[in-house]
């Protein structure tokens, strides 16, 4: 077996492994989404939303759902990474030119191969999802009662004077 045949065989196996890992990752993301959405406290308790609805529970359910969606997006981005790696191993031909401009910042990427473009996009998705801040606060309004504001502040803000405070008479 010549060196050329070995290299070609190695690239073919690498491509097949990348595609198999991509399908495995997509399948696991579907199972992950199904498992955690069916195992939520609301699904397990069998109670209706009308009996569980309280501002605290709604904040908890919202945070749980957002975390579920972000972690599922990371699974899907990982499968995109495998597909990009497979395209890179195949040495897929073509060029992608990307240019972005916002205010004083310019980003330009020229002549990027399709495999590296997919890897770059998947990496951006992973970074955004992994560093996304999930912050919820619950604030009291004298006219309408408790309201929930998504994405305002952090858990420490729950203790400020405008937030719901714990009952001082509770043990």
N, C-alpha and C. Protein backbone atom coordinates (compact mmCIF):
# COMPACT_ATOMS: atom_id res chain seq x y z
N UNK A 1 0.86 -1.17 0.00
CA UNK A 1 0.00 0.00 0.00
C UNK A 1 0.90 1.23 0.00
N UNK A 2 0.69 2.10 -0.94
CA UNK A 2 1.55 3.29 -1.06
C UNK A 2 1.13 4.36 -0.06
N UNK A 3 2.00 5.35 0.08
CA UNK A 3 1.74 6.46 1.00
C UNK A 3 0.52 7.25 0.56
N UNK A 4 0.36 7.39 -0.74
CA UNK A 4 -0.80 8.12 -1.27
C UNK A 4 -2.10 7.41 -0.94
N UNK A 5 -2.10 6.08 -1.04
CA UNK A 5 -3.30 5.31 -0.71
C UNK A 5 -3.62 5.40 0.78
N UNK A 6 -2.60 5.36 1.60
CA UNK A 6 -2.81 5.47 3.05
C UNK A 6 -3.40 6.83 3.43
N UNK A 7 -2.85 7.88 2.82
CA UNK A 7 -3.36 9.22 3.11
C UNK A 7 -4.80 9.37 2.64
N UNK A 8 -5.09 8.85 1.48
CA UNK A 8 -6.46 8.92 0.95
C UNK A 8 -7.41 8.12 1.84
N UNK A 9 -6.98 6.94 2.27
CA UNK A 9 -7.79 6.10 3.15
C UNK A 9 -8.03 6.78 4.50
N UNK A 10 -6.98 7.42 5.03
CA UNK A 10 -7.10 8.13 6.30
C UNK A 10 -8.09 9.29 6.19
N UNK A 11 -8.01 10.05 5.10
CA UNK A 11 -8.95 11.17 4.91
C UNK A 11 -10.38 10.68 4.74
N UNK A 12 -10.55 9.57 4.03
CA UNK A 12 -11.89 9.02 3.84
C UNK A 12 -12.48 8.58 5.19
N UNK A 13 -11.68 7.92 6.02
CA UNK A 13 -12.16 7.50 7.34
C UNK A 13 -12.43 8.72 8.24
N UNK A 14 -11.57 9.73 8.13
CA UNK A 14 -11.78 10.95 8.92
C UNK A 14 -13.08 11.64 8.54
N UNK A 15 -13.38 11.69 7.24
CA UNK A 15 -14.63 12.30 6.78
C UNK A 15 -15.83 11.50 7.28
N UNK A 16 -15.75 10.17 7.15
CA UNK A 16 -16.86 9.33 7.61
C UNK A 16 -17.07 9.47 9.12
N UNK A 17 -15.98 9.55 9.86
CA UNK A 17 -16.08 9.72 11.32
C UNK A 17 -16.70 11.08 11.65
N UNK A 18 -16.32 12.13 10.91
CA UNK A 18 -16.87 13.47 11.17
C UNK A 18 -18.38 13.48 10.90
N UNK A 19 -18.81 12.87 9.81
CA UNK A 19 -20.25 12.82 9.51
C UNK A 19 -20.99 11.98 10.54
N UNK A 20 -20.41 10.85 10.94
CA UNK A 20 -21.05 10.01 11.97
C UNK A 20 -21.17 10.77 13.29
N UNK A 21 -20.13 11.51 13.67
CA UNK A 21 -20.18 12.29 14.90
C UNK A 21 -21.20 13.42 14.80
N UNK A 22 -21.35 14.01 13.61
CA UNK A 22 -22.35 15.07 13.42
C UNK A 22 -23.76 14.51 13.61
N UNK A 23 -24.06 13.37 13.01
CA UNK A 23 -25.38 12.76 13.19
C UNK A 23 -25.59 12.32 14.63
N UNK A 24 -24.56 11.79 15.27
CA UNK A 24 -24.67 11.41 16.67
C UNK A 24 -24.96 12.63 17.54
N UNK A 25 -24.27 13.71 17.27
CA UNK A 25 -24.48 14.93 18.05
C UNK A 25 -25.89 15.49 17.85
N UNK A 26 -26.39 15.48 16.61
CA UNK A 26 -27.76 15.94 16.37
C UNK A 26 -28.77 15.03 17.06
N UNK A 27 -28.55 13.73 17.00
CA UNK A 27 -29.46 12.79 17.68
C UNK A 27 -29.45 13.01 19.19
N UNK A 28 -28.25 13.19 19.75
CA UNK A 28 -28.16 13.44 21.19
C UNK A 28 -28.81 14.76 21.58
N UNK A 29 -28.73 15.77 20.72
CA UNK A 29 -29.38 17.04 21.04
C UNK A 29 -30.90 16.88 21.06
N UNK A 30 -31.44 16.09 20.15
CA UNK A 30 -32.88 15.84 20.16
C UNK A 30 -33.29 15.07 21.40
N UNK A 31 -32.53 14.05 21.77
CA UNK A 31 -32.82 13.29 22.99
C UNK A 31 -32.69 14.17 24.23
N UNK A 32 -31.68 15.00 24.26
CA UNK A 32 -31.45 15.91 25.38
C UNK A 32 -32.63 16.86 25.54
N UNK A 33 -33.07 17.46 24.44
CA UNK A 33 -34.19 18.38 24.49
C UNK A 33 -35.46 17.68 24.96
N UNK A 34 -35.73 16.48 24.43
CA UNK A 34 -36.92 15.75 24.83
C UNK A 34 -36.86 15.34 26.30
N UNK A 35 -35.72 14.81 26.74
CA UNK A 35 -35.59 14.33 28.11
C UNK A 35 -35.79 15.46 29.12
N UNK A 36 -35.10 16.57 28.92
CA UNK A 36 -35.19 17.62 29.91
C UNK A 36 -36.50 18.40 29.84
N UNK A 37 -37.14 18.45 28.68
CA UNK A 37 -38.45 19.10 28.65
C UNK A 37 -39.52 18.19 29.25
N UNK A 38 -39.35 16.87 29.13
CA UNK A 38 -40.34 15.96 29.73
C UNK A 38 -40.08 15.72 31.21
N UNK A 39 -38.88 16.05 31.70
CA UNK A 39 -38.54 15.83 33.11
C UNK A 39 -38.59 17.13 33.92
N UNK A 40 -39.19 18.16 33.38
CA UNK A 40 -39.29 19.40 34.14
C UNK A 40 -40.24 19.20 35.32
N UNK A 41 -40.11 20.02 36.35
CA UNK A 41 -40.98 19.86 37.53
C UNK A 41 -42.46 19.91 37.19
N UNK A 42 -42.84 20.72 36.21
CA UNK A 42 -44.24 20.82 35.84
C UNK A 42 -44.73 19.53 35.20
N UNK A 43 -43.91 18.92 34.34
CA UNK A 43 -44.30 17.67 33.69
C UNK A 43 -44.36 16.52 34.69
N UNK A 44 -43.44 16.49 35.65
CA UNK A 44 -43.39 15.40 36.62
C UNK A 44 -44.53 15.49 37.63
N UNK A 45 -44.83 16.71 38.09
CA UNK A 45 -45.84 16.86 39.14
C UNK A 45 -47.24 16.56 38.66
N UNK A 46 -47.49 16.74 37.36
CA UNK A 46 -48.82 16.49 36.83
C UNK A 46 -49.83 17.57 37.19
N UNK A 47 -49.37 18.64 37.81
CA UNK A 47 -50.27 19.72 38.17
C UNK A 47 -50.46 20.65 36.98
N UNK A 48 -51.59 21.33 36.98
CA UNK A 48 -51.84 22.27 35.90
C UNK A 48 -51.12 23.57 36.17
N UNK A 49 -50.93 24.36 35.13
CA UNK A 49 -50.25 25.64 35.28
C UNK A 49 -51.03 26.56 36.23
N UNK A 50 -52.35 26.44 36.26
CA UNK A 50 -53.16 27.33 37.09
C UNK A 50 -52.85 27.14 38.58
N UNK A 51 -52.50 25.93 38.99
CA UNK A 51 -52.21 25.70 40.41
C UNK A 51 -50.77 26.04 40.78
N UNK A 52 -49.88 26.10 39.80
CA UNK A 52 -48.48 26.35 40.08
C UNK A 52 -48.08 27.80 39.84
N UNK A 53 -48.89 28.55 39.11
CA UNK A 53 -48.48 29.89 38.70
C UNK A 53 -48.27 30.78 39.92
N UNK A 54 -47.05 31.21 40.04
CA UNK A 54 -46.67 32.22 41.01
C UNK A 54 -45.48 32.93 40.39
N UNK A 55 -45.21 34.15 40.77
CA UNK A 55 -44.08 34.85 40.15
C UNK A 55 -42.75 34.11 40.31
N UNK A 56 -42.53 33.51 41.47
CA UNK A 56 -41.29 32.80 41.68
C UNK A 56 -41.17 31.58 40.76
N UNK A 57 -42.27 30.83 40.64
CA UNK A 57 -42.26 29.66 39.76
C UNK A 57 -42.07 30.05 38.30
N UNK A 58 -42.70 31.14 37.89
CA UNK A 58 -42.55 31.58 36.50
C UNK A 58 -41.12 31.99 36.20
N UNK A 59 -40.45 32.64 37.14
CA UNK A 59 -39.04 32.99 36.95
C UNK A 59 -38.22 31.72 36.82
N UNK A 60 -38.49 30.74 37.67
CA UNK A 60 -37.74 29.48 37.64
C UNK A 60 -37.97 28.72 36.33
N UNK A 61 -39.23 28.64 35.88
CA UNK A 61 -39.53 27.96 34.63
C UNK A 61 -38.87 28.67 33.45
N UNK A 62 -38.89 30.00 33.45
CA UNK A 62 -38.27 30.75 32.36
C UNK A 62 -36.76 30.51 32.32
N UNK A 63 -36.13 30.51 33.48
CA UNK A 63 -34.69 30.28 33.53
C UNK A 63 -34.36 28.86 33.07
N UNK A 64 -35.17 27.89 33.48
CA UNK A 64 -34.94 26.51 33.08
C UNK A 64 -35.06 26.34 31.57
N UNK A 65 -36.09 26.93 30.99
CA UNK A 65 -36.30 26.81 29.54
C UNK A 65 -35.19 27.51 28.76
N UNK A 66 -34.76 28.66 29.24
CA UNK A 66 -33.69 29.36 28.54
C UNK A 66 -32.39 28.57 28.60
N UNK A 67 -32.08 27.98 29.74
CA UNK A 67 -30.89 27.16 29.86
C UNK A 67 -30.98 25.94 28.95
N UNK A 68 -32.15 25.36 28.86
CA UNK A 68 -32.36 24.20 27.99
C UNK A 68 -32.11 24.56 26.53
N UNK A 69 -32.63 25.68 26.09
CA UNK A 69 -32.44 26.09 24.70
C UNK A 69 -30.99 26.44 24.41
N UNK A 70 -30.32 27.11 25.34
CA UNK A 70 -28.91 27.46 25.13
C UNK A 70 -28.03 26.21 25.07
N UNK A 71 -28.28 25.27 25.96
CA UNK A 71 -27.46 24.06 25.95
C UNK A 71 -27.75 23.19 24.72
N UNK A 72 -28.99 23.19 24.23
CA UNK A 72 -29.31 22.48 23.00
C UNK A 72 -28.61 23.14 21.81
N UNK A 73 -28.55 24.46 21.80
CA UNK A 73 -27.84 25.16 20.73
C UNK A 73 -26.36 24.80 20.71
N UNK A 74 -25.78 24.57 21.88
CA UNK A 74 -24.37 24.15 21.94
C UNK A 74 -24.22 22.76 21.33
N UNK A 75 -25.15 21.84 21.61
CA UNK A 75 -25.11 20.52 20.99
C UNK A 75 -25.16 20.62 19.47
N UNK A 76 -26.07 21.45 18.96
CA UNK A 76 -26.23 21.59 17.52
C UNK A 76 -24.99 22.25 16.90
N UNK A 77 -24.41 23.21 17.59
CA UNK A 77 -23.18 23.83 17.09
C UNK A 77 -22.04 22.82 17.06
N UNK A 78 -22.01 21.91 18.01
CA UNK A 78 -20.98 20.87 17.98
C UNK A 78 -21.14 19.99 16.74
N UNK A 79 -22.37 19.68 16.36
CA UNK A 79 -22.56 18.89 15.14
C UNK A 79 -22.13 19.69 13.92
N UNK A 80 -22.34 21.01 13.94
CA UNK A 80 -21.85 21.85 12.85
C UNK A 80 -20.32 21.83 12.79
N UNK A 81 -19.68 21.79 13.94
CA UNK A 81 -18.21 21.69 13.97
C UNK A 81 -17.74 20.40 13.30
N UNK A 82 -18.43 19.31 13.56
CA UNK A 82 -18.06 18.05 12.93
C UNK A 82 -18.26 18.09 11.41
N UNK A 83 -19.36 18.69 10.98
CA UNK A 83 -19.60 18.83 9.53
C UNK A 83 -18.53 19.70 8.90
N UNK A 84 -18.18 20.81 9.54
CA UNK A 84 -17.12 21.68 9.03
C UNK A 84 -15.79 20.96 8.96
N UNK A 85 -15.50 20.13 9.97
CA UNK A 85 -14.26 19.36 9.95
C UNK A 85 -14.27 18.35 8.80
N UNK A 86 -15.43 17.74 8.56
CA UNK A 86 -15.56 16.81 7.43
C UNK A 86 -15.34 17.52 6.11
N UNK A 87 -15.90 18.71 5.95
CA UNK A 87 -15.68 19.48 4.73
C UNK A 87 -14.21 19.87 4.58
N UNK A 88 -13.58 20.18 5.70
CA UNK A 88 -12.16 20.52 5.67
C UNK A 88 -11.32 19.32 5.23
N UNK A 89 -11.65 18.13 5.75
CA UNK A 89 -10.91 16.93 5.35
C UNK A 89 -11.12 16.60 3.88
N UNK A 90 -12.31 16.86 3.38
CA UNK A 90 -12.59 16.62 1.96
C UNK A 90 -11.93 17.65 1.06
N UNK A 91 -11.43 18.69 1.67
CA UNK A 91 -10.85 19.82 0.94
C UNK A 91 -11.88 20.39 -0.04
N UNK A 92 -13.07 20.65 0.49
CA UNK A 92 -14.15 21.21 -0.31
C UNK A 92 -13.70 22.53 -0.92
N UNK A 93 -13.92 22.67 -2.19
CA UNK A 93 -13.46 23.86 -2.92
C UNK A 93 -14.54 24.93 -2.90
N UNK A 94 -14.10 26.13 -3.01
CA UNK A 94 -14.99 27.28 -3.01
C UNK A 94 -14.40 28.33 -2.11
N UNK A 95 -14.97 29.49 -2.16
CA UNK A 95 -14.49 30.54 -1.27
C UNK A 95 -15.68 31.33 -0.75
N UNK A 96 -15.57 31.71 0.48
CA UNK A 96 -16.62 32.49 1.13
C UNK A 96 -15.99 33.82 1.51
N UNK A 97 -16.61 34.90 1.09
CA UNK A 97 -16.15 36.23 1.46
C UNK A 97 -17.17 36.84 2.40
N UNK A 98 -16.72 37.23 3.57
CA UNK A 98 -17.60 37.80 4.59
C UNK A 98 -17.08 39.18 4.96
N UNK A 99 -17.98 40.15 4.99
CA UNK A 99 -17.60 41.50 5.41
C UNK A 99 -18.72 42.05 6.29
N UNK A 100 -18.33 42.56 7.46
CA UNK A 100 -19.30 43.15 8.39
C UNK A 100 -18.76 44.50 8.83
N UNK A 101 -19.70 45.42 9.03
CA UNK A 101 -19.30 46.75 9.48
C UNK A 101 -20.35 47.27 10.45
N UNK A 102 -19.89 47.75 11.59
CA UNK A 102 -20.78 48.35 12.58
C UNK A 102 -20.04 49.50 13.23
N UNK A 103 -20.59 50.67 13.07
CA UNK A 103 -20.00 51.91 13.62
C UNK A 103 -18.54 52.04 13.17
N UNK A 104 -17.62 51.94 14.09
CA UNK A 104 -16.20 52.11 13.74
C UNK A 104 -15.46 50.79 13.58
N UNK A 105 -16.16 49.68 13.69
CA UNK A 105 -15.52 48.37 13.61
C UNK A 105 -15.82 47.72 12.26
N UNK A 106 -14.77 47.21 11.61
CA UNK A 106 -14.93 46.49 10.35
C UNK A 106 -14.29 45.12 10.48
N UNK A 107 -14.97 44.11 9.98
CA UNK A 107 -14.43 42.76 9.94
C UNK A 107 -14.59 42.25 8.51
N UNK A 108 -13.50 41.77 7.94
CA UNK A 108 -13.54 41.25 6.58
C UNK A 108 -12.73 39.96 6.52
N UNK A 109 -13.38 38.91 6.05
CA UNK A 109 -12.72 37.62 5.87
C UNK A 109 -12.86 37.25 4.40
N UNK A 110 -11.74 37.09 3.74
CA UNK A 110 -11.77 36.81 2.31
C UNK A 110 -11.20 35.42 2.02
N UNK A 111 -11.79 34.76 1.06
CA UNK A 111 -11.33 33.47 0.57
C UNK A 111 -11.23 32.41 1.67
N UNK A 112 -12.30 32.24 2.38
CA UNK A 112 -12.37 31.24 3.43
C UNK A 112 -13.02 29.99 2.84
N UNK A 113 -12.45 28.83 3.09
CA UNK A 113 -13.02 27.59 2.54
C UNK A 113 -14.35 27.29 3.25
N UNK A 114 -15.23 26.52 2.60
CA UNK A 114 -16.53 26.22 3.22
C UNK A 114 -16.42 25.51 4.57
N UNK A 115 -15.46 24.60 4.69
CA UNK A 115 -15.28 23.88 5.96
C UNK A 115 -14.90 24.81 7.09
N UNK A 116 -13.94 25.70 6.81
CA UNK A 116 -13.52 26.64 7.85
C UNK A 116 -14.62 27.66 8.16
N UNK A 117 -15.43 28.01 7.17
CA UNK A 117 -16.54 28.93 7.41
C UNK A 117 -17.56 28.30 8.36
N UNK A 118 -17.88 27.03 8.15
CA UNK A 118 -18.83 26.33 9.03
C UNK A 118 -18.24 26.21 10.44
N UNK A 119 -16.94 25.91 10.53
CA UNK A 119 -16.29 25.82 11.83
C UNK A 119 -16.32 27.17 12.54
N UNK A 120 -16.07 28.24 11.82
CA UNK A 120 -16.10 29.59 12.40
C UNK A 120 -17.49 29.93 12.92
N UNK A 121 -18.53 29.66 12.11
CA UNK A 121 -19.91 29.94 12.55
C UNK A 121 -20.28 29.12 13.78
N UNK A 122 -19.92 27.84 13.79
CA UNK A 122 -20.23 26.99 14.94
C UNK A 122 -19.51 27.45 16.19
N UNK A 123 -18.27 27.89 16.03
CA UNK A 123 -17.51 28.40 17.18
C UNK A 123 -18.16 29.66 17.75
N UNK A 124 -18.64 30.52 16.88
CA UNK A 124 -19.33 31.73 17.35
C UNK A 124 -20.59 31.36 18.12
N UNK A 125 -21.35 30.38 17.62
CA UNK A 125 -22.57 29.95 18.31
C UNK A 125 -22.23 29.39 19.69
N UNK A 126 -21.20 28.57 19.78
CA UNK A 126 -20.81 27.99 21.07
C UNK A 126 -20.40 29.09 22.05
N UNK A 127 -19.60 30.05 21.58
CA UNK A 127 -19.14 31.13 22.47
C UNK A 127 -20.31 31.97 22.94
N UNK A 128 -21.23 32.33 22.04
CA UNK A 128 -22.38 33.16 22.43
C UNK A 128 -23.26 32.41 23.42
N UNK A 129 -23.54 31.14 23.17
CA UNK A 129 -24.42 30.38 24.07
C UNK A 129 -23.75 30.11 25.42
N UNK A 130 -22.46 29.85 25.41
CA UNK A 130 -21.77 29.53 26.66
C UNK A 130 -21.59 30.75 27.55
N UNK A 131 -21.52 31.92 26.97
CA UNK A 131 -21.29 33.13 27.76
C UNK A 131 -22.55 33.98 27.94
N UNK A 132 -23.68 33.51 27.45
CA UNK A 132 -24.93 34.27 27.55
C UNK A 132 -25.38 34.35 29.01
N UNK A 133 -25.71 35.54 29.45
CA UNK A 133 -26.13 35.77 30.83
C UNK A 133 -27.62 35.51 30.97
N UNK A 134 -27.99 34.64 31.87
CA UNK A 134 -29.40 34.41 32.17
C UNK A 134 -29.68 35.12 33.48
N UNK A 135 -30.29 36.27 33.37
CA UNK A 135 -30.58 37.03 34.58
C UNK A 135 -32.06 37.40 34.60
N UNK A 136 -32.69 37.11 35.71
CA UNK A 136 -34.11 37.37 35.88
C UNK A 136 -34.33 38.08 37.21
N UNK A 137 -35.21 39.04 37.20
CA UNK A 137 -35.61 39.65 38.46
C UNK A 137 -37.13 39.70 38.51
N UNK A 138 -37.60 39.79 39.70
CA UNK A 138 -39.04 39.90 39.93
C UNK A 138 -39.25 41.16 40.73
N UNK A 139 -40.00 42.08 40.20
CA UNK A 139 -40.19 43.37 40.88
C UNK A 139 -41.67 43.55 41.22
N UNK A 140 -41.90 44.21 42.32
CA UNK A 140 -43.28 44.49 42.75
C UNK A 140 -43.71 45.84 42.22
N UNK A 141 -44.92 45.88 41.70
CA UNK A 141 -45.51 47.13 41.27
C UNK A 141 -46.76 47.33 42.11
N UNK A 142 -46.92 48.51 42.68
CA UNK A 142 -48.04 48.73 43.59
C UNK A 142 -49.39 48.64 42.87
N UNK A 143 -49.43 48.99 41.61
CA UNK A 143 -50.70 49.00 40.89
C UNK A 143 -51.08 47.62 40.37
N UNK A 144 -50.12 46.87 39.84
CA UNK A 144 -50.46 45.62 39.17
C UNK A 144 -49.99 44.38 39.89
N UNK A 145 -49.30 44.52 41.00
CA UNK A 145 -48.78 43.36 41.70
C UNK A 145 -47.44 42.95 41.13
N UNK A 146 -47.03 41.70 41.36
CA UNK A 146 -45.70 41.28 40.92
C UNK A 146 -45.60 41.22 39.41
N UNK A 147 -44.49 41.68 38.88
CA UNK A 147 -44.21 41.58 37.46
C UNK A 147 -42.82 40.98 37.30
N UNK A 148 -42.60 40.31 36.20
CA UNK A 148 -41.33 39.67 35.95
C UNK A 148 -40.68 40.37 34.77
N UNK A 149 -39.45 40.81 34.96
CA UNK A 149 -38.69 41.46 33.90
C UNK A 149 -37.54 40.54 33.54
N UNK A 150 -37.50 40.12 32.29
CA UNK A 150 -36.45 39.22 31.84
C UNK A 150 -35.23 40.03 31.42
N UNK A 151 -34.07 39.55 31.81
CA UNK A 151 -32.82 40.14 31.35
C UNK A 151 -32.44 41.44 32.02
N UNK A 152 -33.05 41.78 33.14
CA UNK A 152 -32.70 43.02 33.84
C UNK A 152 -32.04 42.63 35.15
N UNK A 153 -30.78 42.90 35.26
CA UNK A 153 -30.08 42.64 36.51
C UNK A 153 -29.66 41.19 36.68
N UNK A 154 -29.21 40.90 37.88
CA UNK A 154 -28.76 39.55 38.22
C UNK A 154 -29.48 39.09 39.48
N UNK A 155 -29.08 37.95 39.99
CA UNK A 155 -29.71 37.42 41.20
C UNK A 155 -29.48 38.35 42.39
N UNK A 156 -28.35 39.07 42.41
CA UNK A 156 -28.10 40.01 43.50
C UNK A 156 -29.12 41.15 43.52
N UNK A 157 -29.67 41.48 42.35
CA UNK A 157 -30.65 42.56 42.29
C UNK A 157 -31.96 42.19 42.96
N UNK A 158 -32.19 40.91 43.22
CA UNK A 158 -33.41 40.50 43.91
C UNK A 158 -33.46 41.06 45.33
N UNK A 159 -32.32 41.44 45.86
CA UNK A 159 -32.27 41.91 47.24
C UNK A 159 -32.37 43.42 47.37
N UNK A 160 -32.47 44.15 46.26
CA UNK A 160 -32.56 45.61 46.40
C UNK A 160 -33.94 46.02 46.90
N UNK A 161 -34.13 47.30 47.19
CA UNK A 161 -35.34 47.77 47.86
C UNK A 161 -36.58 47.70 46.99
N UNK A 162 -36.46 47.67 45.68
CA UNK A 162 -37.63 47.61 44.81
C UNK A 162 -38.07 46.18 44.53
N UNK A 163 -37.28 45.22 44.94
CA UNK A 163 -37.59 43.82 44.64
C UNK A 163 -38.43 43.21 45.74
N UNK A 164 -38.94 42.03 45.45
CA UNK A 164 -39.70 41.28 46.44
C UNK A 164 -38.73 40.84 47.52
N UNK A 165 -39.04 41.12 48.75
CA UNK A 165 -38.17 40.72 49.85
C UNK A 165 -38.80 39.55 50.59
N UNK A 166 -37.97 38.71 51.21
CA UNK A 166 -38.53 37.58 51.94
C UNK A 166 -39.35 38.07 53.14
N UNK A 167 -40.29 37.24 53.54
CA UNK A 167 -41.15 37.57 54.67
C UNK A 167 -40.33 37.57 55.95
N UNK A 168 -40.23 38.72 56.65
CA UNK A 168 -39.40 38.77 57.85
C UNK A 168 -39.94 37.93 59.00
N UNK A 169 -41.23 37.57 58.97
CA UNK A 169 -41.79 36.78 60.07
C UNK A 169 -41.63 35.28 59.84
N UNK A 170 -41.14 34.90 58.65
CA UNK A 170 -40.98 33.48 58.36
C UNK A 170 -39.83 32.91 59.18
N UNK A 171 -39.94 31.66 59.63
CA UNK A 171 -38.87 31.06 60.46
C UNK A 171 -37.63 30.76 59.65
